[in-house]
Protein backbone atom coordinates (compact mmCIF):
# COMPACT_ATOMS: atom_id res chain seq x y z
CA MET A 1 54.44 -16.74 -200.39
CA SER A 2 57.18 -19.28 -199.93
CA GLN A 3 56.31 -19.67 -196.25
CA SER A 4 53.07 -21.36 -197.17
CA LEU A 5 54.94 -23.97 -199.16
CA ASN A 6 56.77 -25.59 -196.27
CA HIS A 7 54.93 -28.92 -196.19
CA SER A 8 57.22 -30.72 -198.64
CA LEU A 9 59.94 -33.09 -197.56
CA SER A 10 63.52 -32.03 -196.97
CA LEU A 11 66.44 -34.38 -197.47
CA ASN A 12 66.54 -35.28 -193.77
CA GLU A 13 62.81 -35.92 -193.79
CA LEU A 14 63.23 -38.15 -196.84
CA GLU A 15 65.82 -40.22 -195.01
CA SER A 16 63.54 -40.55 -191.98
CA LEU A 17 60.63 -41.37 -194.31
CA LEU A 18 62.57 -44.23 -195.89
CA THR A 19 63.53 -45.44 -192.41
CA MET A 20 59.89 -45.42 -191.26
CA LEU A 21 58.76 -47.23 -194.41
CA SER A 22 61.20 -50.02 -193.63
CA ARG A 23 59.62 -50.62 -190.22
CA PRO A 24 56.83 -53.18 -189.70
CA THR A 25 54.47 -50.39 -188.57
CA ALA A 26 54.48 -49.09 -192.14
CA LEU A 27 52.30 -52.04 -193.05
CA ILE A 28 49.43 -50.25 -191.31
CA GLU A 29 49.75 -47.32 -193.71
CA VAL A 30 50.05 -49.67 -196.66
CA GLY A 31 46.86 -51.39 -195.58
CA LEU A 32 45.08 -48.06 -195.16
CA VAL A 33 46.19 -46.90 -198.61
CA ILE A 34 44.95 -50.12 -200.19
CA ALA A 35 41.70 -49.81 -198.23
CA CYS A 36 41.23 -46.23 -199.46
CA LEU A 37 41.73 -47.26 -203.08
CA ALA A 38 39.47 -50.31 -202.77
CA LEU A 39 36.71 -48.35 -201.03
CA SER A 40 36.94 -45.62 -203.64
CA TRP A 41 36.64 -48.20 -206.41
CA LEU A 42 33.58 -49.77 -204.77
CA ILE A 43 31.89 -46.41 -204.31
CA VAL A 44 32.51 -45.32 -207.91
CA ARG A 45 31.40 -48.71 -209.22
CA GLY A 46 28.18 -48.50 -207.22
CA ILE A 47 27.51 -45.03 -208.61
CA GLY A 48 28.29 -46.20 -212.14
CA LYS A 49 25.63 -48.93 -211.96
CA HIS A 50 22.93 -46.29 -211.50
CA VAL A 51 24.17 -44.03 -214.31
CA THR A 52 23.27 -44.72 -217.93
CA PRO A 53 26.41 -44.30 -220.05
CA SER A 54 26.23 -42.07 -223.11
CA PRO A 55 27.40 -43.76 -226.33
CA GLU A 56 28.46 -40.43 -227.82
CA ARG A 57 30.25 -38.76 -224.91
CA GLN A 58 32.39 -40.07 -222.11
CA SER A 59 31.44 -39.06 -218.60
CA VAL A 60 33.92 -36.68 -216.99
CA LEU A 61 33.29 -38.09 -213.52
CA LEU A 62 33.08 -41.79 -214.39
CA GLY A 63 35.05 -42.07 -217.63
CA ARG A 64 34.65 -45.04 -219.94
CA ARG A 65 35.52 -47.85 -217.48
CA VAL A 66 34.24 -46.18 -214.28
CA PHE A 67 37.66 -46.06 -212.57
CA ASP A 68 39.34 -43.92 -215.26
CA GLY A 69 37.21 -40.84 -214.55
CA VAL A 70 37.73 -37.96 -212.13
CA LEU A 71 35.53 -39.33 -209.36
CA PHE A 72 37.81 -42.27 -208.49
CA PRO A 73 40.95 -40.25 -207.60
CA VAL A 74 38.85 -37.54 -205.90
CA ILE A 75 37.21 -40.03 -203.53
CA ALA A 76 40.55 -41.78 -202.98
CA LEU A 77 42.16 -38.42 -202.14
CA LEU A 78 39.43 -37.54 -199.65
CA LEU A 79 39.72 -40.95 -197.99
CA ALA A 80 43.50 -40.64 -197.86
CA LEU A 81 43.23 -37.24 -196.19
CA GLY A 82 40.86 -38.70 -193.62
CA ALA A 83 43.15 -41.67 -193.00
CA ARG A 84 46.14 -39.34 -192.56
CA ARG A 85 44.25 -37.48 -189.83
CA LEU A 86 43.47 -40.83 -188.23
CA MET A 87 47.09 -42.02 -188.05
CA PRO A 88 48.22 -39.71 -185.17
CA LEU A 89 45.16 -40.75 -183.17
CA LEU A 90 46.33 -44.35 -183.44
CA GLY A 91 49.77 -43.38 -182.21
CA GLU A 92 51.40 -44.18 -185.55
CA PRO A 93 53.71 -41.78 -187.46
CA VAL A 94 52.63 -40.55 -190.88
CA ALA A 95 55.06 -41.60 -193.61
CA LEU A 96 53.50 -43.17 -196.68
CA PHE A 97 50.57 -40.75 -196.87
CA ARG A 98 53.01 -37.84 -197.34
CA VAL A 99 53.84 -39.43 -200.70
CA VAL A 100 50.42 -40.85 -201.61
CA ILE A 101 48.46 -37.62 -201.18
CA PRO A 102 50.56 -35.54 -203.67
CA VAL A 103 50.38 -38.42 -206.15
CA LEU A 104 46.60 -38.62 -205.84
CA LEU A 105 46.34 -34.84 -206.16
CA SER A 106 48.37 -34.96 -209.39
CA LEU A 107 46.15 -37.76 -210.66
CA VAL A 108 43.04 -35.65 -209.95
CA VAL A 109 44.47 -32.74 -211.94
CA ILE A 110 45.48 -34.95 -214.86
CA ARG A 111 42.15 -36.77 -215.01
CA LEU A 112 40.15 -33.54 -214.70
CA VAL A 113 41.99 -31.71 -217.46
CA ALA A 114 42.07 -34.72 -219.79
CA ARG A 115 38.42 -35.69 -219.40
CA VAL A 116 37.08 -32.13 -219.61
CA LEU A 117 39.08 -31.32 -222.74
CA ARG A 118 38.11 -34.61 -224.35
CA ALA A 119 34.42 -33.98 -223.60
CA ALA A 120 34.50 -30.32 -224.73
CA MET A 121 36.58 -30.86 -227.89
CA PRO A 122 36.32 -34.53 -228.90
CA ASP A 123 37.47 -33.97 -232.50
CA SER A 124 40.48 -31.76 -231.78
CA ARG A 125 43.83 -33.24 -232.81
CA GLY A 126 45.83 -31.23 -230.27
CA ILE A 127 43.97 -32.62 -227.25
CA ARG A 128 46.32 -35.57 -226.76
CA LEU A 129 49.38 -33.36 -226.90
CA LEU A 130 47.84 -31.03 -224.33
CA GLU A 131 46.89 -33.99 -222.13
CA ARG A 132 50.44 -35.32 -222.20
CA SER A 133 51.85 -31.88 -221.42
CA VAL A 134 49.57 -31.48 -218.41
CA SER A 135 50.42 -35.02 -217.26
CA TRP A 136 54.17 -34.38 -217.44
CA VAL A 137 53.86 -31.05 -215.61
CA ALA A 138 51.66 -32.56 -212.88
CA TRP A 139 53.87 -35.60 -212.28
CA ILE A 140 57.10 -33.60 -212.35
CA GLY A 141 55.60 -31.03 -209.99
CA SER A 142 54.45 -33.79 -207.64
CA ILE A 143 57.90 -35.39 -207.59
CA LEU A 144 59.63 -32.05 -207.03
CA TRP A 145 57.20 -31.29 -204.23
CA ILE A 146 57.88 -34.61 -202.51
CA VAL A 147 61.68 -34.27 -202.66
CA GLY A 148 61.54 -30.63 -201.51
CA VAL A 149 62.85 -29.01 -204.72
CA LEU A 150 59.63 -27.32 -205.82
CA PRO A 151 59.42 -24.84 -202.88
CA VAL A 152 63.00 -23.75 -203.58
CA VAL A 153 62.23 -23.21 -207.27
CA LEU A 154 59.05 -21.28 -206.45
CA ASP A 155 60.91 -19.15 -203.93
CA GLU A 156 63.48 -18.25 -206.58
CA LEU A 157 60.75 -17.42 -209.12
CA ASP A 158 59.19 -15.11 -206.53
CA HIS A 159 62.29 -12.90 -206.67
CA TYR A 160 62.29 -12.34 -210.45
CA GLN A 161 60.07 -9.45 -211.47
CA LEU A 162 58.55 -8.64 -214.84
CA THR A 163 57.71 -5.11 -216.00
CA PHE A 164 54.54 -4.24 -217.92
CA LEU A 165 53.47 -0.78 -219.00
CA ALA A 166 50.02 0.44 -218.01
CA LYS A 167 48.11 3.72 -217.99
CA LYS A 168 48.75 4.24 -214.28
CA GLY A 169 52.43 3.41 -214.47
CA GLN A 170 54.43 0.21 -214.50
CA ILE A 171 53.20 -3.15 -213.23
CA THR A 172 55.95 -5.37 -211.83
CA PRO A 173 54.58 -8.84 -211.01
CA THR A 174 56.94 -11.69 -210.25
CA VAL A 175 57.32 -14.75 -212.41
CA LEU A 176 55.58 -16.75 -209.68
CA ASP A 177 52.62 -14.35 -209.75
CA VAL A 178 52.32 -14.85 -213.51
CA LEU A 179 52.44 -18.65 -213.13
CA VAL A 180 49.83 -18.61 -210.36
CA GLY A 181 47.62 -16.33 -212.44
CA ALA A 182 47.94 -18.64 -215.44
CA LEU A 183 46.98 -21.62 -213.26
CA GLN A 184 43.97 -19.72 -211.93
CA VAL A 185 42.83 -18.78 -215.43
CA GLY A 186 43.34 -22.37 -216.62
CA GLY A 187 41.41 -23.74 -213.64
CA VAL A 188 38.49 -21.41 -214.24
CA MET A 189 38.36 -22.22 -217.97
CA ILE A 190 38.53 -25.96 -217.27
CA PHE A 191 35.60 -25.58 -214.86
CA VAL A 192 33.66 -23.57 -217.46
CA LEU A 193 34.33 -26.17 -220.16
CA TRP A 194 33.14 -28.86 -217.77
CA LEU A 195 29.90 -27.00 -217.13
CA SER A 196 29.37 -26.43 -220.86
CA SER A 197 29.98 -30.13 -221.66
CA VAL A 198 27.53 -31.19 -218.93
CA ALA A 199 24.92 -28.73 -220.19
CA GLU A 200 25.46 -29.87 -223.79
CA SER A 201 25.04 -33.55 -222.92
CA ARG A 202 21.87 -32.83 -220.94
CA LEU A 203 20.34 -30.65 -223.64
CA LEU A 204 21.16 -33.00 -226.52
CA ARG A 205 19.88 -35.99 -224.58
CA GLY A 206 16.36 -34.59 -224.24
CA GLN A 207 13.72 -35.61 -226.76
CA SER A 208 10.89 -33.21 -225.96
CA VAL A 209 12.39 -30.30 -227.96
CA ASP A 210 13.45 -30.27 -231.60
CA LEU A 211 17.12 -31.02 -232.19
CA SER A 212 17.73 -27.68 -233.92
CA MET A 213 16.41 -25.77 -230.93
CA ARG A 214 18.57 -27.86 -228.63
CA LYS A 215 21.62 -27.00 -230.75
CA ILE A 216 20.76 -23.29 -230.40
CA ALA A 217 20.54 -23.68 -226.62
CA VAL A 218 23.88 -25.54 -226.56
CA ASN A 219 25.68 -22.88 -228.61
CA LEU A 220 24.25 -20.00 -226.58
CA THR A 221 25.02 -21.73 -223.28
CA ARG A 222 28.61 -22.50 -224.25
CA THR A 223 29.21 -18.95 -225.51
CA ALA A 224 27.73 -17.38 -222.37
CA LEU A 225 29.71 -19.64 -220.04
CA LEU A 226 32.97 -18.95 -221.88
CA VAL A 227 32.41 -15.18 -221.73
CA VAL A 228 31.53 -15.27 -218.03
CA GLY A 229 34.46 -17.60 -217.31
CA ALA A 230 36.90 -15.33 -219.13
CA MET A 231 35.68 -12.30 -217.18
CA VAL A 232 35.95 -14.13 -213.86
CA ALA A 233 39.42 -15.44 -214.71
CA LEU A 234 40.68 -11.98 -215.68
CA ASN A 235 39.20 -10.51 -212.52
CA MET A 236 40.88 -13.19 -210.39
CA VAL A 237 44.35 -12.30 -211.69
CA GLY A 238 43.72 -8.64 -210.83
CA LEU A 239 43.18 -7.32 -214.36
CA ASN A 240 40.83 -4.37 -214.47
CA LEU A 241 38.09 -5.16 -216.96
CA SER A 242 37.60 -1.49 -217.75
CA ALA A 243 41.06 -1.59 -219.33
CA LEU A 244 39.61 -3.87 -221.98
CA SER A 245 37.13 -1.25 -223.19
CA TRP A 246 39.32 -0.69 -226.23
CA LEU A 247 38.74 -4.33 -227.14
CA GLY A 248 35.10 -3.65 -228.02
CA GLY A 249 36.08 -0.99 -230.52
CA ALA A 250 38.76 -3.22 -232.02
CA VAL A 251 36.30 -6.10 -232.36
CA GLY A 252 33.77 -3.77 -233.98
CA VAL A 253 36.29 -2.55 -236.52
CA GLY A 254 37.42 -6.12 -237.18
CA LEU A 255 33.86 -7.27 -237.73
CA GLY A 256 33.30 -4.38 -240.11
CA PHE A 257 36.30 -5.30 -242.26
CA GLY A 258 38.15 -8.58 -241.98
CA LEU A 259 35.76 -10.56 -239.78
CA GLN A 260 32.49 -9.78 -241.52
CA LYS A 261 32.41 -13.18 -243.25
CA ILE A 262 32.96 -14.97 -239.95
CA ALA A 263 30.25 -12.90 -238.29
CA ALA A 264 27.90 -13.58 -241.21
CA ASN A 265 28.50 -17.31 -240.88
CA TYR A 266 27.78 -17.23 -237.14
CA VAL A 267 24.55 -15.27 -237.62
CA SER A 268 23.53 -17.54 -240.50
CA GLY A 269 24.13 -20.60 -238.32
CA PHE A 270 21.72 -19.34 -235.68
CA MET A 271 19.18 -18.42 -238.38
CA ILE A 272 19.33 -21.92 -239.87
CA LEU A 273 18.81 -23.52 -236.48
CA ALA A 274 16.01 -21.12 -235.53
CA GLU A 275 14.10 -21.32 -238.82
CA ARG A 276 14.65 -25.10 -239.08
CA SER A 277 14.84 -24.84 -242.85
CA LEU A 278 17.77 -27.27 -242.62
CA ARG A 279 17.84 -29.88 -239.88
CA ILE A 280 20.28 -32.53 -238.81
CA GLY A 281 19.40 -35.67 -240.76
CA ASP A 282 17.95 -33.90 -243.82
CA MET A 283 19.06 -34.98 -247.28
CA VAL A 284 20.18 -31.89 -249.17
CA LYS A 285 21.90 -31.00 -252.42
CA VAL A 286 24.24 -28.01 -252.42
CA ASP A 287 26.27 -27.09 -255.50
CA ASN A 288 25.93 -30.59 -257.05
CA PHE A 289 26.96 -32.21 -253.75
CA GLU A 290 24.24 -34.41 -252.29
CA GLY A 291 24.33 -35.86 -248.81
CA LYS A 292 22.92 -35.96 -245.32
CA ILE A 293 23.41 -33.13 -242.82
CA SER A 294 25.40 -34.69 -240.00
CA ASP A 295 25.99 -31.57 -237.88
CA ILE A 296 25.24 -27.83 -237.85
CA LYS A 297 27.96 -25.77 -236.20
CA THR A 298 27.79 -22.07 -235.45
CA ARG A 299 30.12 -21.31 -238.39
CA TYR A 300 29.62 -24.16 -240.86
CA THR A 301 27.46 -27.18 -241.67
CA VAL A 302 28.79 -30.69 -242.28
CA ILE A 303 27.16 -32.65 -245.13
CA ARG A 304 28.07 -36.33 -245.45
CA ALA A 305 27.58 -38.04 -248.80
CA LEU A 306 26.54 -41.68 -249.13
CA ASN A 307 30.05 -42.62 -250.28
CA GLY A 308 31.58 -41.31 -247.06
CA ARG A 309 32.83 -37.95 -248.31
CA GLU A 310 32.06 -34.92 -246.17
CA ALA A 311 31.58 -31.33 -247.31
CA ILE A 312 32.05 -28.39 -244.95
CA VAL A 313 29.72 -25.65 -246.20
CA PRO A 314 29.79 -22.14 -244.66
CA ASN A 315 26.44 -21.26 -243.17
CA GLU A 316 26.26 -18.05 -245.19
CA SER A 317 26.23 -20.10 -248.41
CA LEU A 318 23.23 -22.06 -247.19
CA ILE A 319 21.36 -18.78 -246.64
CA THR A 320 22.29 -16.95 -249.84
CA THR A 321 22.37 -19.80 -252.41
CA ARG A 322 19.88 -22.35 -253.67
CA VAL A 323 19.69 -25.50 -251.55
CA GLU A 324 17.61 -28.56 -252.45
CA ASN A 325 16.17 -30.20 -249.33
CA LEU A 326 14.84 -33.66 -250.12
CA SER A 327 13.17 -34.08 -246.73
CA LEU A 328 12.09 -30.64 -245.51
CA ALA A 329 8.32 -31.07 -245.33
CA ASP A 330 8.09 -34.71 -246.45
CA PRO A 331 10.86 -37.34 -246.53
CA GLN A 332 9.23 -39.11 -249.50
CA VAL A 333 11.22 -38.78 -252.76
CA TRP A 334 10.13 -39.67 -256.29
CA VAL A 335 12.58 -41.79 -258.31
CA SER A 336 12.22 -42.83 -261.95
CA THR A 337 13.81 -45.14 -264.48
CA VAL A 338 13.35 -45.56 -268.26
CA VAL A 339 13.02 -48.66 -270.43
CA GLN A 340 12.12 -49.25 -274.09
CA VAL A 341 9.96 -52.03 -275.50
CA ALA A 342 9.51 -53.02 -279.12
CA TYR A 343 6.80 -51.53 -281.29
CA GLY A 344 3.76 -53.78 -281.33
CA THR A 345 3.96 -54.58 -277.60
CA ASP A 346 0.58 -54.63 -275.83
CA VAL A 347 1.33 -51.78 -273.43
CA ASP A 348 -2.23 -51.82 -272.03
CA ALA A 349 -1.62 -55.29 -270.64
CA LEU A 350 2.02 -54.56 -269.70
CA PHE A 351 1.39 -51.45 -267.56
CA PRO A 352 -0.52 -53.17 -264.69
CA GLN A 353 2.06 -55.96 -264.51
CA LEU A 354 4.93 -53.46 -264.31
CA VAL A 355 3.18 -51.56 -261.50
CA GLU A 356 2.54 -54.76 -259.55
CA GLU A 357 6.11 -56.01 -259.91
CA VAL A 358 7.71 -52.69 -258.95
CA ARG A 359 5.41 -52.42 -255.93
CA ARG A 360 6.97 -55.60 -254.52
CA VAL A 361 10.46 -54.09 -254.33
CA PRO A 362 11.19 -53.68 -250.57
CA ARG A 363 11.98 -49.94 -250.44
CA VAL A 364 9.25 -48.88 -252.88
CA LEU A 365 6.20 -47.36 -251.19
CA SER A 366 2.81 -48.82 -251.91
CA GLU A 367 1.10 -45.50 -251.18
CA PRO A 368 1.63 -43.44 -253.25
CA GLY A 369 2.19 -46.37 -255.56
CA PRO A 370 4.37 -46.77 -258.65
CA SER A 371 3.26 -45.44 -262.02
CA VAL A 372 4.10 -46.20 -265.64
CA THR A 373 3.74 -43.74 -268.51
CA LEU A 374 4.42 -43.89 -272.25
CA SER A 375 6.85 -40.98 -272.34
CA ASN A 376 8.18 -41.06 -275.91
CA PHE A 377 7.95 -42.71 -279.35
CA ALA A 378 11.64 -43.38 -279.77
CA ALA A 379 13.42 -44.35 -282.97
CA ASP A 380 13.94 -47.94 -281.84
CA GLY A 381 10.94 -48.58 -279.61
CA LEU A 382 8.34 -47.30 -277.16
CA GLU A 383 9.94 -45.45 -274.23
CA LEU A 384 8.32 -46.20 -270.86
CA THR A 385 9.01 -44.17 -267.70
CA ILE A 386 8.48 -46.06 -264.43
CA GLY A 387 8.21 -43.80 -261.39
CA PHE A 388 8.05 -44.81 -257.71
CA TRP A 389 8.34 -43.26 -254.25
CA ILE A 390 10.78 -44.01 -251.42
CA SER A 391 10.76 -42.73 -247.83
CA ASP A 392 14.44 -43.20 -246.98
CA PRO A 393 16.48 -41.00 -249.33
CA HIS A 394 19.36 -41.05 -246.82
CA ASN A 395 20.00 -44.66 -247.89
CA GLY A 396 20.62 -43.57 -251.47
CA GLN A 397 18.74 -44.02 -254.75
CA GLY A 398 21.17 -46.20 -256.70
CA GLY A 399 20.35 -49.41 -254.85
CA VAL A 400 16.59 -49.15 -255.13
CA ARG A 401 16.81 -48.09 -258.79
CA SER A 402 18.95 -51.14 -259.52
CA GLU A 403 16.42 -53.43 -257.79
CA VAL A 404 13.59 -51.90 -259.84
CA ASN A 405 15.54 -52.31 -263.08
CA LEU A 406 16.26 -55.96 -262.30
CA THR A 407 12.59 -56.53 -261.54
CA ILE A 408 11.57 -54.94 -264.86
CA LEU A 409 14.14 -57.00 -266.77
CA ARG A 410 12.93 -60.26 -265.21
CA LEU A 411 9.31 -59.40 -266.07
CA LEU A 412 10.10 -58.57 -269.72
CA ASN A 413 12.13 -61.76 -270.12
CA ARG A 414 9.29 -63.78 -268.62
CA LEU A 415 6.79 -62.20 -271.05
CA ASN A 416 9.17 -62.60 -274.04
CA ILE A 417 9.12 -58.84 -274.68
CA ASP A 418 12.21 -57.61 -276.46
CA ILE A 419 14.12 -54.52 -275.38
CA PRO A 420 15.05 -52.96 -278.75
CA PHE A 421 18.51 -51.71 -279.54
CA PRO A 422 19.63 -49.50 -282.42
CA GLN A 423 19.79 -51.36 -285.76
CA ARG A 424 21.38 -49.81 -288.83
CA VAL A 425 21.17 -51.19 -292.47
CA VAL A 426 24.11 -50.20 -294.69
CA HIS A 427 23.21 -49.77 -298.39
CA ALA A 428 26.15 -49.92 -300.86
CA ALA A 429 26.39 -47.48 -303.80
CA PRO A 430 25.52 -48.87 -307.36
CA GLU A 431 29.06 -48.19 -308.65
CA ALA A 432 30.52 -50.26 -305.82
CA VAL A 433 28.12 -53.11 -306.59
CA ALA A 434 29.05 -53.11 -310.34
CA ALA A 435 32.77 -53.01 -309.54
CA SER A 436 32.51 -55.96 -307.23
CA ALA A 437 30.46 -57.97 -309.81
CA ALA A 438 32.87 -57.37 -312.75
CA PRO A 439 35.74 -59.60 -311.61
CA ALA A 440 33.35 -62.40 -310.92
CA SER A 441 31.89 -62.26 -314.51
CA SER A 442 35.34 -62.10 -316.16
CA ALA A 443 36.60 -65.08 -314.22
CA ALA A 444 33.68 -67.33 -315.29
CA PRO A 445 34.88 -68.26 -318.96
CA SER A 446 38.35 -69.24 -317.77
CA ALA A 447 36.89 -71.78 -315.54
CA GLY A 448 35.49 -73.64 -318.55
């Protein structure tokens, strides 16, 4: 295996490389390298003008600023390979490209891994650490390859064998075989994650199908691709898939005991998405927590309250417990407020004015319109209940209720109608009255 890794630079070749770079003819290679980078940038920029960027997801090929995606180093690498083949035809020795091509290859690997992981798992906290690890490994490997140390290290790793027990005897792969197998598995999984992120962005971008059905398609597609990718990766490293037959029994036993809750949550998630009893954007109330459904995962559902708090509710709870959906069949919600007016108020004349004033509040619907009812004969006044409808419960009810209350207060003040408050008259006992009057009567003769 080490014979195929003989294209790196030895120490003598490094000395000759530095000598060639100091010659004036090296300017031709410098110009070609700059031309390759500039042409790659122009090509990627031209492609980026015809692609509509997604505000939610970064493009793996184009990135956020066009040149920070995977496509820019890939095109630059292809152009550099073509220019390297062109150099001998021009009668010029190849020097700089022997350094540029490994650097561009490392940049392709880093960009591909970073962008695919960021697109597949945008909310994961360990993504940056993994990106930095891959970047360090790629750059160090590129440097070791250029200086000729990496082939020596790989040749030494090819001599160290590891022993694994199997049914047919012992398996003795080398450390290098294990590293190559790990790279193959990682490459296949990165490719599978890329495909799943592309499929997810395409499916979620469509508007012809309901969002819940698109989420089902996304979850099924990602699961199927990951399973197929894992099988292909294991087959590439020479692992017999029939040896994993015991895994099915172990998974079955695990699902029957410790993993039954997880399995129930996964099944419940698909049921919620299929039945569309709960949809992304619905206002729901679960266990005294009210908010808007921001996302439905395969295992849990995220509910975001109007104050910014988020609740992660297992999908099984949404199936087995009572859930209030404020916008399942109709997004219109009835809201009410209560006010008291003094006894003797002409409520027959007041009711139409209250309805007309409340109807003018911006978020209050005119159809069905507001209503006013005499709900109770309270101890201090007549209790009136003012009800109205809104069509945007996701914006909250406190703001619109406050606007309605202010409108009612302004109307009552304008009509000089009092809002009664509790009044209590304290009657003193006769003995207390006589005791307080006695000192006053005894003090009267002395004054004369």
